[in-house]
Structures are given as structure tokens and as C-alpha cells.
Amino acid sequence: MNRTQYTIVAIDGTEDARAAAAACNKALGDAGDSFSLEAAEAQVAECSPSLRDALAIEGTEIEIWEAWIDGDRDNAERFSVPAGGMVDIAEAGAAALGVEVSESLNVVRV
């Protein structure tokens, strides 16, 4: 399943806008709302009026995958990769688990 992940970016490059974007993205991540356009819009709306025009919301389509080692699915890790990108899924899954690619590594798209 592909999902769209939203990120708030500073479009004017000022330090204040970059700081506001970073704070908004942290709040989205902390709340688990990085896949909600409405939550991203609400974060921008909470910024001071002078900063709102300096921020934009970008959406990136990603795929969600899960990786685990044989016999240990209970400790599987979820990770994401850009949709349609040229990514070595085995390498990405191994990195999510903090292990090397091996025959005992399992990955599945969720």
C-alpha cells in the first residue's frame, strides 16, 4: 500500500521559517500525524501569520515495508521507501533491523 507522507518546508530559506518548519515536522512526527494533510495544514495554521506564507506542505508517496529475521516476526521493524524508487529493499530492511543482509532476512510490503 502506498501512502503519502507530508512534510512542511521553508520556501523562503530564512532561519525563522526553517525553525518553524522543523518545529511543525517534529510535532507531526511526535503525534504520528505525518500521513495526515489536515494535521500538516493545522500545524501551518498555528504558526504566526508572518511565517505562514514562508511555509509549504510537500507530499511524498512512500511504500511501507516490514522486515524480520526468520523465527522472530514478533520483533519485525517497519520502514518506508520512496514509491517507485530504485531501492534495494533487502538492504533497506537490513538497515531497519541493524543487521546484514542474509538468507534469514525477510521483507514484505504492508
N, C-alpha and C. Protein backbone atom coordinates (compact mmCIF):
# COMPACT_ATOMS: atom_id res chain seq x y z
N MET A 1 0.84 -1.17 0.00
CA MET A 1 0.00 0.00 0.00
C MET A 1 0.89 1.24 0.00
N ASN A 2 0.64 2.14 -0.89
CA ASN A 2 1.37 3.41 -0.91
C ASN A 2 0.64 4.42 -0.04
N ARG A 3 1.40 5.25 0.61
CA ARG A 3 0.84 6.32 1.44
C ARG A 3 1.57 7.60 1.11
N THR A 4 0.93 8.70 1.39
CA THR A 4 1.57 9.99 1.19
C THR A 4 2.00 10.53 2.55
N GLN A 5 3.28 10.84 2.63
CA GLN A 5 3.84 11.41 3.86
C GLN A 5 4.03 12.90 3.62
N TYR A 6 3.57 13.70 4.57
CA TYR A 6 3.61 15.16 4.43
C TYR A 6 4.73 15.76 5.26
N THR A 7 5.41 16.72 4.66
CA THR A 7 6.49 17.43 5.31
C THR A 7 6.29 18.93 5.08
N ILE A 8 6.54 19.70 6.09
CA ILE A 8 6.45 21.16 5.98
C ILE A 8 7.84 21.69 5.70
N VAL A 9 7.95 22.51 4.67
CA VAL A 9 9.24 23.04 4.26
C VAL A 9 9.22 24.56 4.26
N ALA A 10 10.39 25.15 4.50
CA ALA A 10 10.56 26.60 4.43
C ALA A 10 10.84 26.95 2.97
N ILE A 11 10.01 27.77 2.38
CA ILE A 11 10.21 28.09 0.97
C ILE A 11 11.00 29.37 0.75
N ASP A 12 11.17 30.15 1.80
CA ASP A 12 11.96 31.38 1.63
C ASP A 12 13.38 31.27 2.19
N GLY A 13 13.66 30.17 2.87
CA GLY A 13 15.02 29.91 3.34
C GLY A 13 15.47 30.69 4.55
N THR A 14 14.61 31.50 5.16
CA THR A 14 15.03 32.25 6.34
C THR A 14 15.18 31.32 7.53
N GLU A 15 15.98 31.75 8.47
CA GLU A 15 16.20 30.95 9.68
C GLU A 15 14.90 30.74 10.45
N ASP A 16 14.07 31.79 10.55
CA ASP A 16 12.80 31.66 11.27
C ASP A 16 11.87 30.65 10.59
N ALA A 17 11.81 30.70 9.27
CA ALA A 17 10.95 29.76 8.54
C ALA A 17 11.47 28.34 8.67
N ARG A 18 12.78 28.15 8.59
CA ARG A 18 13.35 26.81 8.75
C ARG A 18 13.07 26.28 10.15
N ALA A 19 13.18 27.13 11.16
CA ALA A 19 12.90 26.71 12.53
C ALA A 19 11.43 26.36 12.71
N ALA A 20 10.55 27.14 12.11
CA ALA A 20 9.11 26.87 12.20
C ALA A 20 8.78 25.55 11.51
N ALA A 21 9.37 25.32 10.33
CA ALA A 21 9.12 24.07 9.62
C ALA A 21 9.61 22.89 10.44
N ALA A 22 10.79 23.00 11.02
CA ALA A 22 11.34 21.92 11.85
C ALA A 22 10.43 21.63 13.05
N ALA A 23 9.94 22.68 13.69
CA ALA A 23 9.05 22.50 14.84
C ALA A 23 7.74 21.85 14.42
N CYS A 24 7.20 22.27 13.29
CA CYS A 24 5.96 21.68 12.79
C CYS A 24 6.15 20.20 12.47
N ASN A 25 7.25 19.87 11.80
CA ASN A 25 7.51 18.48 11.43
C ASN A 25 7.73 17.62 12.67
N LYS A 26 8.39 18.17 13.68
CA LYS A 26 8.58 17.42 14.93
C LYS A 26 7.23 17.14 15.58
N ALA A 27 6.36 18.16 15.60
CA ALA A 27 5.03 17.97 16.19
C ALA A 27 4.23 16.93 15.42
N LEU A 28 4.31 16.95 14.09
CA LEU A 28 3.62 15.95 13.28
C LEU A 28 4.14 14.55 13.60
N GLY A 29 5.46 14.42 13.65
CA GLY A 29 6.07 13.13 13.95
C GLY A 29 5.72 12.63 15.34
N ASP A 30 5.81 13.52 16.33
CA ASP A 30 5.51 13.14 17.70
C ASP A 30 4.06 12.66 17.86
N ALA A 31 3.15 13.27 17.09
CA ALA A 31 1.73 12.92 17.16
C ALA A 31 1.38 11.75 16.24
N GLY A 32 2.35 11.31 15.42
CA GLY A 32 2.07 10.24 14.47
C GLY A 32 1.17 10.70 13.33
N ASP A 33 1.23 11.99 13.01
CA ASP A 33 0.33 12.57 12.01
C ASP A 33 1.01 12.91 10.69
N SER A 34 2.17 12.36 10.41
CA SER A 34 2.88 12.76 9.19
C SER A 34 2.20 12.27 7.92
N PHE A 35 1.17 11.44 8.05
CA PHE A 35 0.42 10.99 6.88
C PHE A 35 -0.92 11.72 6.74
N SER A 36 -1.12 12.75 7.52
CA SER A 36 -2.38 13.49 7.50
C SER A 36 -2.17 14.90 6.95
N LEU A 37 -2.75 15.17 5.79
CA LEU A 37 -2.67 16.51 5.21
C LEU A 37 -3.35 17.52 6.12
N GLU A 38 -4.46 17.13 6.70
CA GLU A 38 -5.19 18.03 7.60
C GLU A 38 -4.35 18.42 8.80
N ALA A 39 -3.62 17.47 9.36
CA ALA A 39 -2.76 17.77 10.51
C ALA A 39 -1.62 18.70 10.09
N ALA A 40 -1.06 18.49 8.90
CA ALA A 40 0.00 19.37 8.41
C ALA A 40 -0.53 20.79 8.21
N GLU A 41 -1.72 20.89 7.63
CA GLU A 41 -2.34 22.21 7.44
C GLU A 41 -2.60 22.89 8.77
N ALA A 42 -3.03 22.12 9.77
CA ALA A 42 -3.29 22.68 11.09
C ALA A 42 -2.00 23.19 11.73
N GLN A 43 -0.90 22.47 11.53
CA GLN A 43 0.40 22.91 12.07
C GLN A 43 0.80 24.25 11.46
N VAL A 44 0.65 24.39 10.15
CA VAL A 44 1.00 25.65 9.49
C VAL A 44 0.08 26.76 9.99
N ALA A 45 -1.20 26.46 10.16
CA ALA A 45 -2.16 27.47 10.62
C ALA A 45 -1.83 27.97 12.02
N GLU A 46 -1.18 27.14 12.84
CA GLU A 46 -0.83 27.54 14.20
C GLU A 46 0.39 28.46 14.24
N CYS A 47 1.12 28.56 13.13
CA CYS A 47 2.29 29.44 13.08
C CYS A 47 1.84 30.89 13.02
N SER A 48 2.74 31.78 13.38
CA SER A 48 2.41 33.20 13.33
C SER A 48 2.10 33.59 11.88
N PRO A 49 1.19 34.54 11.68
CA PRO A 49 0.81 34.95 10.33
C PRO A 49 2.00 35.35 9.46
N SER A 50 3.03 35.92 10.05
CA SER A 50 4.18 36.34 9.26
C SER A 50 4.98 35.15 8.71
N LEU A 51 4.82 33.96 9.30
CA LEU A 51 5.55 32.78 8.84
C LEU A 51 4.74 31.89 7.90
N ARG A 52 3.43 31.98 7.94
CA ARG A 52 2.60 31.06 7.17
C ARG A 52 2.92 31.09 5.68
N ASP A 53 3.16 32.28 5.13
CA ASP A 53 3.45 32.37 3.69
C ASP A 53 4.85 31.88 3.36
N ALA A 54 5.68 31.67 4.36
CA ALA A 54 7.04 31.19 4.14
C ALA A 54 7.13 29.68 4.22
N LEU A 55 5.98 29.02 4.46
CA LEU A 55 5.95 27.57 4.60
C LEU A 55 5.09 26.93 3.53
N ALA A 56 5.46 25.73 3.14
CA ALA A 56 4.68 24.95 2.18
C ALA A 56 4.62 23.51 2.67
N ILE A 57 3.61 22.81 2.22
CA ILE A 57 3.45 21.40 2.57
C ILE A 57 3.78 20.58 1.33
N GLU A 58 4.71 19.64 1.49
CA GLU A 58 5.08 18.75 0.40
C GLU A 58 4.64 17.34 0.74
N GLY A 59 4.12 16.64 -0.25
CA GLY A 59 3.73 15.25 -0.07
C GLY A 59 4.63 14.34 -0.87
N THR A 60 5.05 13.26 -0.25
CA THR A 60 5.90 12.27 -0.90
C THR A 60 5.22 10.92 -0.79
N GLU A 61 5.04 10.25 -1.92
CA GLU A 61 4.43 8.94 -1.90
C GLU A 61 5.48 7.91 -1.50
N ILE A 62 5.14 7.12 -0.49
CA ILE A 62 6.08 6.11 0.02
C ILE A 62 5.40 4.75 0.10
N GLU A 63 6.21 3.73 0.17
CA GLU A 63 5.76 2.36 0.42
C GLU A 63 6.19 1.97 1.82
N ILE A 64 5.33 1.25 2.53
CA ILE A 64 5.64 0.76 3.87
C ILE A 64 5.99 -0.72 3.76
N TRP A 65 7.11 -1.10 4.35
CA TRP A 65 7.59 -2.47 4.35
C TRP A 65 7.85 -2.92 5.78
N GLU A 66 7.97 -4.21 5.95
CA GLU A 66 8.29 -4.78 7.25
C GLU A 66 9.41 -5.78 7.07
N ALA A 67 10.35 -5.82 8.00
CA ALA A 67 11.49 -6.73 7.94
C ALA A 67 11.62 -7.47 9.28
N TRP A 68 12.04 -8.73 9.17
CA TRP A 68 12.29 -9.53 10.37
C TRP A 68 13.25 -10.66 10.02
N ILE A 69 13.80 -11.24 11.04
CA ILE A 69 14.69 -12.39 10.90
C ILE A 69 13.86 -13.66 11.11
N ASP A 70 14.19 -14.72 10.36
CA ASP A 70 13.45 -16.00 10.49
C ASP A 70 13.16 -16.31 11.95
N GLY A 71 11.90 -16.67 12.22
CA GLY A 71 11.50 -17.09 13.55
C GLY A 71 11.29 -15.96 14.54
N ASP A 72 11.42 -14.71 14.10
CA ASP A 72 11.32 -13.58 15.04
C ASP A 72 10.40 -12.48 14.50
N ARG A 73 9.28 -12.89 13.90
CA ARG A 73 8.36 -11.90 13.30
C ARG A 73 7.79 -10.95 14.36
N ASP A 74 7.70 -11.40 15.59
CA ASP A 74 7.18 -10.53 16.66
C ASP A 74 8.03 -9.28 16.84
N ASN A 75 9.28 -9.32 16.43
CA ASN A 75 10.18 -8.18 16.55
C ASN A 75 10.46 -7.53 15.19
N ALA A 76 9.50 -7.63 14.28
CA ALA A 76 9.66 -7.03 12.96
C ALA A 76 9.71 -5.51 13.08
N GLU A 77 10.43 -4.90 12.15
CA GLU A 77 10.54 -3.44 12.09
C GLU A 77 9.89 -2.96 10.81
N ARG A 78 9.11 -1.88 10.90
CA ARG A 78 8.54 -1.26 9.71
C ARG A 78 9.48 -0.17 9.23
N PHE A 79 9.55 -0.04 7.91
CA PHE A 79 10.36 1.01 7.31
C PHE A 79 9.69 1.48 6.04
N SER A 80 10.08 2.63 5.56
CA SER A 80 9.47 3.18 4.36
C SER A 80 10.54 3.49 3.32
N VAL A 81 10.11 3.43 2.06
CA VAL A 81 10.97 3.78 0.93
C VAL A 81 10.15 4.60 -0.04
N PRO A 82 10.76 5.43 -0.85
CA PRO A 82 10.02 6.19 -1.85
C PRO A 82 9.31 5.24 -2.82
N ALA A 83 8.05 5.52 -3.11
CA ALA A 83 7.29 4.68 -4.04
C ALA A 83 7.90 4.78 -5.43
N GLY A 84 8.03 3.64 -6.08
CA GLY A 84 8.54 3.62 -7.44
C GLY A 84 10.01 3.92 -7.57
N GLY A 85 10.69 4.08 -6.46
CA GLY A 85 12.11 4.39 -6.50
C GLY A 85 12.95 3.15 -6.70
N MET A 86 14.18 3.37 -7.04
CA MET A 86 15.11 2.26 -7.22
C MET A 86 15.84 2.04 -5.90
N VAL A 87 15.23 1.23 -5.03
CA VAL A 87 15.78 0.98 -3.70
C VAL A 87 15.99 -0.52 -3.54
N ASP A 88 17.11 -0.90 -2.97
CA ASP A 88 17.36 -2.30 -2.65
C ASP A 88 16.60 -2.59 -1.36
N ILE A 89 15.46 -3.25 -1.48
CA ILE A 89 14.58 -3.50 -0.34
C ILE A 89 15.27 -4.35 0.72
N ALA A 90 16.05 -5.33 0.30
CA ALA A 90 16.77 -6.16 1.28
C ALA A 90 17.73 -5.30 2.10
N GLU A 91 18.46 -4.42 1.44
CA GLU A 91 19.38 -3.52 2.16
C GLU A 91 18.61 -2.60 3.10
N ALA A 92 17.48 -2.06 2.64
CA ALA A 92 16.68 -1.17 3.48
C ALA A 92 16.12 -1.92 4.69
N GLY A 93 15.65 -3.14 4.48
CA GLY A 93 15.14 -3.95 5.59
C GLY A 93 16.22 -4.30 6.59
N ALA A 94 17.39 -4.67 6.07
CA ALA A 94 18.50 -4.99 6.96
C ALA A 94 18.91 -3.76 7.77
N ALA A 95 18.93 -2.60 7.12
CA ALA A 95 19.28 -1.37 7.84
C ALA A 95 18.26 -1.06 8.93
N ALA A 96 16.97 -1.30 8.64
CA ALA A 96 15.93 -1.05 9.65
C ALA A 96 16.12 -1.92 10.88
N LEU A 97 16.62 -3.14 10.65
CA LEU A 97 16.86 -4.07 11.77
C LEU A 97 18.24 -3.91 12.39
N GLY A 98 19.14 -3.23 11.68
CA GLY A 98 20.50 -3.09 12.18
C GLY A 98 21.32 -4.36 12.00
N VAL A 99 21.02 -5.09 10.91
CA VAL A 99 21.73 -6.34 10.63
C VAL A 99 22.26 -6.31 9.20
N GLU A 100 23.01 -7.34 8.84
CA GLU A 100 23.50 -7.51 7.47
C GLU A 100 22.45 -8.29 6.66
N VAL A 101 22.44 -8.11 5.37
CA VAL A 101 21.58 -8.91 4.50
C VAL A 101 22.03 -10.36 4.59
N SER A 102 21.08 -11.26 4.79
CA SER A 102 21.38 -12.69 4.87
C SER A 102 20.15 -13.47 4.41
N GLU A 103 20.32 -14.79 4.30
CA GLU A 103 19.20 -15.63 3.89
C GLU A 103 18.10 -15.70 4.94
N SER A 104 18.38 -15.32 6.16
CA SER A 104 17.36 -15.37 7.22
C SER A 104 16.54 -14.08 7.30
N LEU A 105 16.89 -13.10 6.46
CA LEU A 105 16.17 -11.82 6.43
C LEU A 105 14.91 -11.97 5.62
N ASN A 106 13.80 -11.48 6.16
CA ASN A 106 12.51 -11.50 5.47
C ASN A 106 12.03 -10.06 5.33
N VAL A 107 11.46 -9.72 4.19
CA VAL A 107 10.84 -8.41 3.98
C VAL A 107 9.51 -8.62 3.25
N VAL A 108 8.53 -7.82 3.61
CA VAL A 108 7.23 -7.88 2.96
C VAL A 108 6.63 -6.47 2.96
N ARG A 109 5.98 -6.16 1.86
CA ARG A 109 5.29 -4.87 1.75
C ARG A 109 3.98 -4.95 2.50
N VAL A 110 3.70 -3.97 3.32
CA VAL A 110 2.45 -3.96 4.10
C VAL A 110 1.52 -2.85 3.64
